[in-house]
C-alpha atoms as a PDB file:
ATOM      1  CA  MET A   1     -25.494  -1.096   5.681  1.00  0.00           C
ATOM      2  CA  SER A   2     -22.123  -2.970   7.219  1.00  0.00           C
ATOM      3  CA  THR A   3     -19.839  -1.228   9.689  1.00  0.00           C
ATOM      4  CA  LYS A   4     -16.665  -3.675   8.526  1.00  0.00           C
ATOM      5  CA  GLN A   5     -13.451  -2.209   8.548  1.00  0.00           C
ATOM      6  CA  SER A   6     -11.222  -3.576   5.286  1.00  0.00           C
ATOM      7  CA  PRO A   7      -7.725  -5.457   7.171  1.00  0.00           C
ATOM      8  CA  ILE A   8      -5.244  -3.684   7.647  1.00  0.00           C
ATOM      9  CA  MET A   9      -2.747  -4.084   4.505  1.00  0.00           C
ATOM     10  CA  VAL A  10       1.303  -3.709   4.548  1.00  0.00           C
ATOM     11  CA  VAL A  11       4.072  -3.520   1.496  1.00  0.00           C
ATOM     12  CA  ALA A  12       7.901  -3.200   2.552  1.00  0.00           C
ATOM     13  CA  CYS A  13       9.542  -0.995   0.217  1.00  0.00           C
ATOM     14  CA  ALA A  14      12.764  -1.975  -0.893  1.00  0.00           C
ATOM     15  CA  CYS A  15      13.962   1.073   0.773  1.00  0.00           C
ATOM     16  CA  GLY A  16      13.134  -0.770   4.184  1.00  0.00           C
ATOM     17  CA  GLN A  17       9.877   2.114   4.249  1.00  0.00           C
ATOM     18  CA  LEU A  18       6.741  -0.296   5.971  1.00  0.00           C
ATOM     19  CA  LEU A  19       3.569   0.965   4.153  1.00  0.00           C
ATOM     20  CA  ARG A  20       0.303   0.117   5.739  1.00  0.00           C
ATOM     21  CA  GLY A  21      -3.637   0.489   6.072  1.00  0.00           C
ATOM     22  CA  PRO A  22      -7.017  -0.221   4.633  1.00  0.00           C
ATOM     23  CA  ILE A  23      -6.405  -1.486   0.889  1.00  0.00           C
ATOM     24  CA  GLU A  24      -8.782   2.193  -0.087  1.00  0.00           C
ATOM     25  CA  GLU A  25      -6.408   3.869   1.533  1.00  0.00           C
ATOM     26  CA  LEU A  26      -2.772   1.951   1.022  1.00  0.00           C
ATOM     27  CA  VAL A  27      -2.993   1.963  -3.160  1.00  0.00           C
ATOM     28  CA  GLY A  28      -2.644   6.130  -2.741  1.00  0.00           C
ATOM     29  CA  ILE A  29       0.142   5.813   0.466  1.00  0.00           C
ATOM     30  CA  VAL A  30       2.489   3.451  -2.560  1.00  0.00           C
ATOM     31  CA  GLN A  31       2.124   5.576  -5.504  1.00  0.00           C
ATOM     32  CA  LYS A  32       3.293   8.554  -3.555  1.00  0.00           C
ATOM     33  CA  HIS A  33       6.122   7.249  -1.294  1.00  0.00           C
ATOM     34  CA  ALA A  34       6.534   5.675  -4.791  1.00  0.00           C
ATOM     35  CA  ARG A  35       6.809   8.979  -7.039  1.00  0.00           C
ATOM     36  CA  GLU A  36       7.651  11.324  -3.828  1.00  0.00           C
ATOM     37  CA  SER A  37      10.480   8.813  -3.164  1.00  0.00           C
ATOM     38  CA  HIS A  38      11.304   6.713  -5.762  1.00  0.00           C
ATOM     39  CA  ASN A  39      10.652   8.926  -8.589  1.00  0.00           C
ATOM     40  CA  MET A  40       8.809   5.857  -9.616  1.00  0.00           C
ATOM     41  CA  GLN A  41       5.404   5.362 -11.397  1.00  0.00           C
ATOM     42  CA  VAL A  42       3.413   1.807 -10.004  1.00  0.00           C
ATOM     43  CA  THR A  43      -0.090   0.794 -10.432  1.00  0.00           C
ATOM     44  CA  ARG A  44      -2.071  -0.243  -8.807  1.00  0.00           C
ATOM     45  CA  GLU A  45      -1.962  -3.788  -9.900  1.00  0.00           C
ATOM     46  CA  ASP A  46       1.435  -3.805  -8.281  1.00  0.00           C
ATOM     47  CA  VAL A  47       0.383  -2.250  -5.251  1.00  0.00           C
ATOM     48  CA  LEU A  48      -2.228  -5.404  -5.097  1.00  0.00           C
ATOM     49  CA  SER A  49       0.657  -7.890  -5.255  1.00  0.00           C
ATOM     50  CA  ARG A  50       2.944  -6.977  -2.928  1.00  0.00           C
ATOM     51  CA  ALA A  51      -0.139  -5.788  -0.613  1.00  0.00           C
ATOM     52  CA  ARG A  52       0.105  -8.973   2.241  1.00  0.00           C
ATOM     53  CA  PRO A  53      -1.793  -8.628   5.492  1.00  0.00           C
ATOM     54  CA  GLU A  54      -0.810  -7.385   8.782  1.00  0.00           C
ATOM     55  CA  ALA A  55       0.345 -10.475  11.261  1.00  0.00           C
END
């Protein structure tokens, strides 16, 4: 069993919010932010295309 953790990824929203987490969690975090803050629906593919490794 692997204990390697997923790298932390970040998505910078146009509103200035920086969202971060392992990719498995980041998709839900970004989708929730988009829905609650901007009344937008984003797909997993949208999130993945914007996610970058944390520097």
